[in-house]
Amino acid sequence: MIYIGEFNTLKAKRQTDNGFYLTCNEDFEVLLPNKYVPNDFRINDLLEVFVYKDSEDRIVATTQEPLAIVNEFAFLKVNDVSHIGAFMDWGLEKDLLVPFSEQRMKMEKGRYYVVFVFLDTQSGRIVATNKWNKHIVDLEEAYQEGDEVELLIANKSELGFTAIIDDHAKGLIYHNEIHQDLNIGERITGYIKAIREDRKVDLMLYKVGLERLDESSEIIKSKLKEEGGFLPLNDKSSPEEINKWMEMSKKTFKKSIGILYKQRVIEILDEGIKLIG
């Protein structure tokens, strides 16, 4: 079976003036236009392609890679707006439509938005929605606290940043636990901090425990080397100063320099910390 909106590995069945017709069985075939045909491609060769509907509503294949496939979230730019909706750049020749009915607010040309890509069952076309929240589901039961996950930063609120977890669930990173710049649409690595009884999820950007402290200690050592062996920071420095220099909390910084001090890597002075050797 050939799946629209996804990558398919298909076999070249026959060649025409317009390109190769690909198939995975004898019942259905899809055209790969000549401009996407690789050099030395032959009948019976296998090729991974993305399948979608072109501007003439024909099912076609392409070797171009979209920025998102069906059932994925993405941060895309609006190329144009017409009487039927907004058209987003998703890496293919034909832009991705966001109908007006799928916009939380009217989208503007040139701006970027978080969207969810899906297959419209009525038209068979791939479209996107800015009302991505309705496609969020509960975090899968297999996830546990401490698990590493991929996050898409989706929204900012008074409490913190909402992030989409592994393209299906969502969680919250609280402002007071963020020690780096975050931008809407950014994909970063995060960790599950807590899973509540209602399946709501608290997230964190850093590992916990000794492994995280070892990582922070290495960051401090690298920063010391960059600054010629001295940093004007110690356990009496303000949280703001530490965050400005190191992008970490004061608590993590104090524990990490304690480790470096015990390892005789640094000296802790009244005016800062100094690399030994």
Protein backbone atom coordinates (compact mmCIF):
# COMPACT_ATOMS: atom_id res chain seq x y z
CA MET A 1 0.00 0.00 0.00
CA ILE A 2 1.20 3.54 -0.80
CA TYR A 3 0.76 6.08 2.01
CA ILE A 4 0.08 9.74 1.16
CA GLY A 5 1.98 12.20 3.33
CA GLU A 6 4.69 9.72 4.26
CA PHE A 7 7.93 8.28 2.90
CA ASN A 8 7.45 5.09 0.89
CA THR A 9 10.02 2.68 -0.53
CA LEU A 10 8.72 1.88 -4.02
CA LYS A 11 9.89 -0.06 -7.07
CA ALA A 12 10.19 1.35 -10.58
CA LYS A 13 7.54 -0.42 -12.66
CA ARG A 14 7.65 1.39 -16.00
CA GLN A 15 9.15 4.47 -17.68
CA THR A 16 7.32 7.10 -19.76
CA ASP A 17 8.21 10.46 -21.29
CA ASN A 18 7.07 12.14 -18.04
CA GLY A 19 9.06 9.98 -15.66
CA PHE A 20 8.93 6.63 -13.85
CA TYR A 21 5.82 5.02 -12.46
CA LEU A 22 6.53 3.49 -9.06
CA THR A 23 4.59 0.82 -7.20
CA CYS A 24 4.62 -1.45 -4.19
CA ASN A 25 2.13 -3.83 -5.78
CA GLU A 26 0.44 -4.26 -9.15
CA ASP A 27 -2.81 -2.49 -8.18
CA PHE A 28 -1.62 1.10 -7.80
CA GLU A 29 1.23 3.19 -9.18
CA VAL A 30 2.45 6.74 -8.70
CA LEU A 31 4.47 9.01 -11.01
CA LEU A 32 7.98 10.19 -10.14
CA PRO A 33 8.50 13.14 -12.53
CA ASN A 34 11.72 13.22 -14.54
CA LYS A 35 13.21 16.13 -12.55
CA TYR A 36 13.31 13.91 -9.44
CA VAL A 37 14.62 10.74 -11.10
CA PRO A 38 18.18 9.90 -9.91
CA ASN A 39 20.92 9.21 -12.40
CA ASP A 40 21.20 5.55 -13.44
CA PHE A 41 17.70 4.77 -12.10
CA ARG A 42 16.30 1.67 -13.82
CA ILE A 43 13.18 -0.52 -13.97
CA ASN A 44 12.82 -2.68 -10.80
CA ASP A 45 15.11 -0.38 -8.78
CA LEU A 46 13.88 0.58 -5.28
CA LEU A 47 13.71 4.20 -4.17
CA GLU A 48 12.50 6.00 -1.05
CA VAL A 49 10.15 8.85 -2.03
CA PHE A 50 7.64 11.18 -0.40
CA VAL A 51 4.10 10.85 -1.76
CA TYR A 52 1.62 13.73 -1.88
CA LYS A 53 -0.87 15.52 -4.17
CA ASP A 54 0.52 18.13 -6.57
CA SER A 55 -1.07 21.45 -7.61
CA GLU A 56 -3.29 19.59 -10.09
CA ASP A 57 -4.51 17.23 -7.36
CA ARG A 58 -2.62 14.25 -8.76
CA ILE A 59 -0.88 11.78 -6.46
CA VAL A 60 2.85 12.08 -7.22
CA ALA A 61 6.19 11.08 -5.74
CA THR A 62 9.22 13.26 -5.06
CA THR A 63 12.76 12.79 -3.76
CA GLN A 64 12.51 16.20 -2.07
CA GLU A 65 12.24 16.01 1.71
CA PRO A 66 9.44 17.98 3.40
CA LEU A 67 10.08 19.75 6.70
CA ALA A 68 7.29 17.67 8.24
CA ILE A 69 5.22 14.64 7.26
CA VAL A 70 1.67 13.68 8.22
CA ASN A 71 1.08 13.49 12.01
CA GLU A 72 4.09 15.67 12.84
CA PHE A 73 4.34 19.14 14.36
CA ALA A 74 6.52 21.80 12.72
CA PHE A 75 7.46 25.48 12.83
CA LEU A 76 6.89 26.83 9.33
CA LYS A 77 6.87 30.14 7.47
CA VAL A 78 3.83 31.55 5.65
CA ASN A 79 4.77 32.18 2.00
CA ASP A 80 1.44 33.63 0.95
CA VAL A 81 -2.16 34.23 2.01
CA SER A 82 -5.17 33.86 -0.32
CA HIS A 83 -8.95 33.75 -0.09
CA ILE A 84 -8.83 30.09 1.05
CA GLY A 85 -6.10 30.27 3.68
CA ALA A 86 -2.37 30.55 4.31
CA PHE A 87 0.28 28.71 2.30
CA MET A 88 3.36 27.58 4.21
CA ASP A 89 6.83 26.66 3.01
CA TRP A 90 7.42 23.03 3.96
CA GLY A 91 10.30 22.27 1.61
CA LEU A 92 8.34 21.09 -1.45
CA GLU A 93 7.35 22.83 -4.67
CA LYS A 94 3.69 22.95 -3.63
CA ASP A 95 3.15 24.95 -0.44
CA LEU A 96 1.22 23.51 2.50
CA LEU A 97 -2.28 24.93 3.00
CA VAL A 98 -3.64 26.05 6.36
CA PRO A 99 -7.37 26.72 5.75
CA PHE A 100 -8.89 29.71 7.57
CA SER A 101 -10.93 27.26 9.64
CA GLU A 102 -7.66 25.79 10.98
CA GLN A 103 -6.13 29.12 12.07
CA ARG A 104 -6.30 30.27 15.70
CA MET A 105 -5.93 33.81 14.43
CA LYS A 106 -5.45 35.13 10.91
CA MET A 107 -2.00 34.13 9.73
CA GLU A 108 0.29 36.73 8.18
CA LYS A 109 2.68 36.41 5.26
CA GLY A 110 6.33 36.15 6.30
CA ARG A 111 5.61 34.99 9.87
CA TYR A 112 6.35 31.58 11.38
CA TYR A 113 3.81 29.42 13.22
CA VAL A 114 3.70 26.07 15.00
CA VAL A 115 1.38 23.76 13.05
CA PHE A 116 0.29 20.13 12.95
CA VAL A 117 0.35 18.36 9.57
CA PHE A 118 -2.48 15.94 8.81
CA LEU A 119 -4.31 14.20 5.99
CA ASP A 120 -7.76 15.63 5.30
CA THR A 121 -9.92 12.52 4.93
CA GLN A 122 -12.54 14.28 2.77
CA SER A 123 -10.23 15.72 0.11
CA GLY A 124 -7.29 13.33 0.48
CA ARG A 125 -4.98 16.39 0.62
CA ILE A 126 -2.24 17.09 3.11
CA VAL A 127 -3.04 20.24 5.11
CA ALA A 128 -1.92 21.84 8.34
CA THR A 129 -3.60 23.39 11.35
CA ASN A 130 -2.49 26.12 13.71
CA LYS A 131 -5.00 24.74 16.21
CA TRP A 132 -2.43 22.13 17.11
CA ASN A 133 -3.67 21.68 20.66
CA LYS A 134 -6.57 19.48 19.48
CA HIS A 135 -4.06 16.94 18.13
CA ILE A 136 -2.22 16.60 21.45
CA VAL A 137 -2.71 13.28 23.26
CA ASP A 138 -1.71 12.03 26.70
CA LEU A 139 1.89 11.03 27.26
CA GLU A 140 2.28 7.34 26.50
CA GLU A 141 2.38 4.98 29.49
CA ALA A 142 5.89 3.80 28.60
CA TYR A 143 7.41 7.18 29.55
CA GLN A 144 8.95 7.59 32.99
CA GLU A 145 10.32 10.46 35.04
CA GLY A 146 13.88 11.24 33.98
CA ASP A 147 13.41 10.06 30.38
CA GLU A 148 15.16 12.07 27.66
CA VAL A 149 12.73 13.47 25.07
CA GLU A 150 12.69 15.77 22.05
CA LEU A 151 10.86 19.04 22.66
CA LEU A 152 9.35 21.54 20.24
CA ILE A 153 8.89 24.88 22.02
CA ALA A 154 5.32 25.82 21.11
CA ASN A 155 4.04 28.61 23.33
CA LYS A 156 4.99 31.03 26.11
CA SER A 157 2.75 31.85 29.08
CA GLU A 158 2.97 33.42 32.53
CA LEU A 159 3.99 30.07 34.00
CA GLY A 160 6.62 29.11 31.44
CA PHE A 161 7.01 27.52 28.03
CA THR A 162 4.68 24.85 26.64
CA ALA A 163 6.60 22.22 24.67
CA ILE A 164 5.42 19.37 22.46
CA ILE A 165 6.96 16.08 23.57
CA ASP A 166 8.11 13.65 20.87
CA ASP A 167 5.45 14.90 18.44
CA HIS A 168 2.40 13.79 20.43
CA ALA A 169 2.05 15.06 24.01
CA LYS A 170 2.75 18.37 25.73
CA GLY A 171 4.37 19.57 28.92
CA LEU A 172 5.46 22.71 30.73
CA ILE A 173 8.90 24.12 31.53
CA TYR A 174 8.56 26.63 34.39
CA HIS A 175 10.23 30.04 34.01
CA ASN A 176 12.17 29.71 37.27
CA GLU A 177 13.82 26.52 35.97
CA ILE A 178 15.01 27.99 32.67
CA HIS A 179 18.59 29.25 32.52
CA GLN A 180 19.00 29.68 28.77
CA ASP A 181 17.26 31.49 25.94
CA LEU A 182 14.29 29.65 24.45
CA ASN A 183 12.55 30.50 21.19
CA ILE A 184 9.17 29.42 19.83
CA GLY A 185 9.70 26.75 17.17
CA GLU A 186 13.04 25.60 18.57
CA ARG A 187 13.67 21.86 18.89
CA ILE A 188 15.77 20.90 21.89
CA THR A 189 16.50 17.94 24.15
CA GLY A 190 14.63 17.90 27.45
CA TYR A 191 13.72 15.53 30.27
CA ILE A 192 10.54 14.38 32.01
CA LYS A 193 10.55 15.93 35.48
CA ALA A 194 7.17 14.73 36.74
CA ILE A 195 4.08 12.96 35.40
CA ARG A 196 1.00 13.90 37.40
CA GLU A 197 -2.03 11.72 38.10
CA ASP A 198 -3.98 13.58 35.38
CA ARG A 199 -1.13 12.80 32.93
CA LYS A 200 -0.04 16.44 32.77
CA VAL A 201 3.74 16.66 32.44
CA ASP A 202 6.37 18.90 34.00
CA LEU A 203 9.56 19.20 31.98
CA MET A 204 13.16 20.21 32.64
CA LEU A 205 16.03 21.09 30.36
CA TYR A 206 18.80 19.49 32.41
CA LYS A 207 19.64 16.06 33.76
CA VAL A 208 19.33 15.48 37.49
CA GLY A 209 21.75 13.98 39.95
CA LEU A 210 25.48 13.41 39.74
CA GLU A 211 25.49 12.97 35.97
CA ARG A 212 24.13 16.51 35.56
CA LEU A 213 26.64 17.92 38.07
CA ASP A 214 29.54 16.26 36.24
CA GLU A 215 28.29 17.85 33.00
CA SER A 216 28.02 21.27 34.67
CA SER A 217 31.50 20.93 36.13
CA GLU A 218 32.89 20.33 32.63
CA ILE A 219 31.05 23.43 31.38
CA ILE A 220 32.64 25.51 34.14
CA LYS A 221 36.11 24.13 33.33
CA SER A 222 35.67 24.97 29.65
CA LYS A 223 34.50 28.49 30.50
CA LEU A 224 37.51 29.00 32.78
CA LYS A 225 39.86 28.00 29.96
CA GLU A 226 38.09 30.39 27.57
CA GLU A 227 38.51 33.23 30.08
CA GLY A 228 42.21 32.63 30.71
CA GLY A 229 41.79 30.57 33.87
CA PHE A 230 39.68 32.94 35.98
CA LEU A 231 36.00 33.75 36.42
CA PRO A 232 34.66 36.54 38.66
CA LEU A 233 32.12 34.15 40.20
CA ASN A 234 31.93 32.18 43.43
CA ASP A 235 29.33 30.86 45.87
CA LYS A 236 28.54 34.41 46.97
CA SER A 237 27.69 35.63 43.45
CA SER A 238 24.08 36.49 42.67
CA PRO A 239 21.88 34.04 40.73
CA GLU A 240 21.61 36.66 37.97
CA GLU A 241 25.40 36.94 37.57
CA ILE A 242 25.81 33.16 37.49
CA ASN A 243 23.04 32.73 34.95
CA LYS A 244 24.53 35.49 32.77
CA TRP A 245 27.95 33.85 32.67
CA MET A 246 27.09 30.16 32.87
CA GLU A 247 23.39 29.71 31.95
CA MET A 248 22.84 27.53 35.04
CA SER A 249 21.20 27.96 38.43
CA LYS A 250 23.15 29.11 41.47
CA LYS A 251 22.40 25.80 43.20
CA THR A 252 23.94 23.78 40.33
CA PHE A 253 26.91 26.19 40.10
CA LYS A 254 27.71 25.91 43.82
CA LYS A 255 27.57 22.10 43.79
CA SER A 256 29.68 21.94 40.61
CA ILE A 257 32.47 24.22 41.86
CA GLY A 258 32.43 22.18 45.06
CA ILE A 259 33.20 19.08 43.01
CA LEU A 260 35.98 20.90 41.11
CA TYR A 261 37.45 22.20 44.38
CA LYS A 262 37.54 18.70 45.92
CA GLN A 263 39.20 17.42 42.75
CA ARG A 264 41.83 20.19 43.15
CA VAL A 265 40.93 21.59 39.73
CA ILE A 266 40.13 25.11 40.98
CA GLU A 267 40.81 27.54 43.80
CA ILE A 268 37.86 29.43 45.31
CA LEU A 269 38.92 33.02 46.02
CA ASP A 270 37.09 36.05 47.43
CA GLU A 271 36.98 37.60 43.97
CA GLY A 272 36.13 34.45 41.98
CA ILE A 273 37.35 30.99 40.96
CA LYS A 274 40.76 30.20 39.47
CA LEU A 275 41.87 27.22 37.41
CA ILE A 276 44.83 25.34 38.96
CA GLY A 277 47.69 24.43 36.63
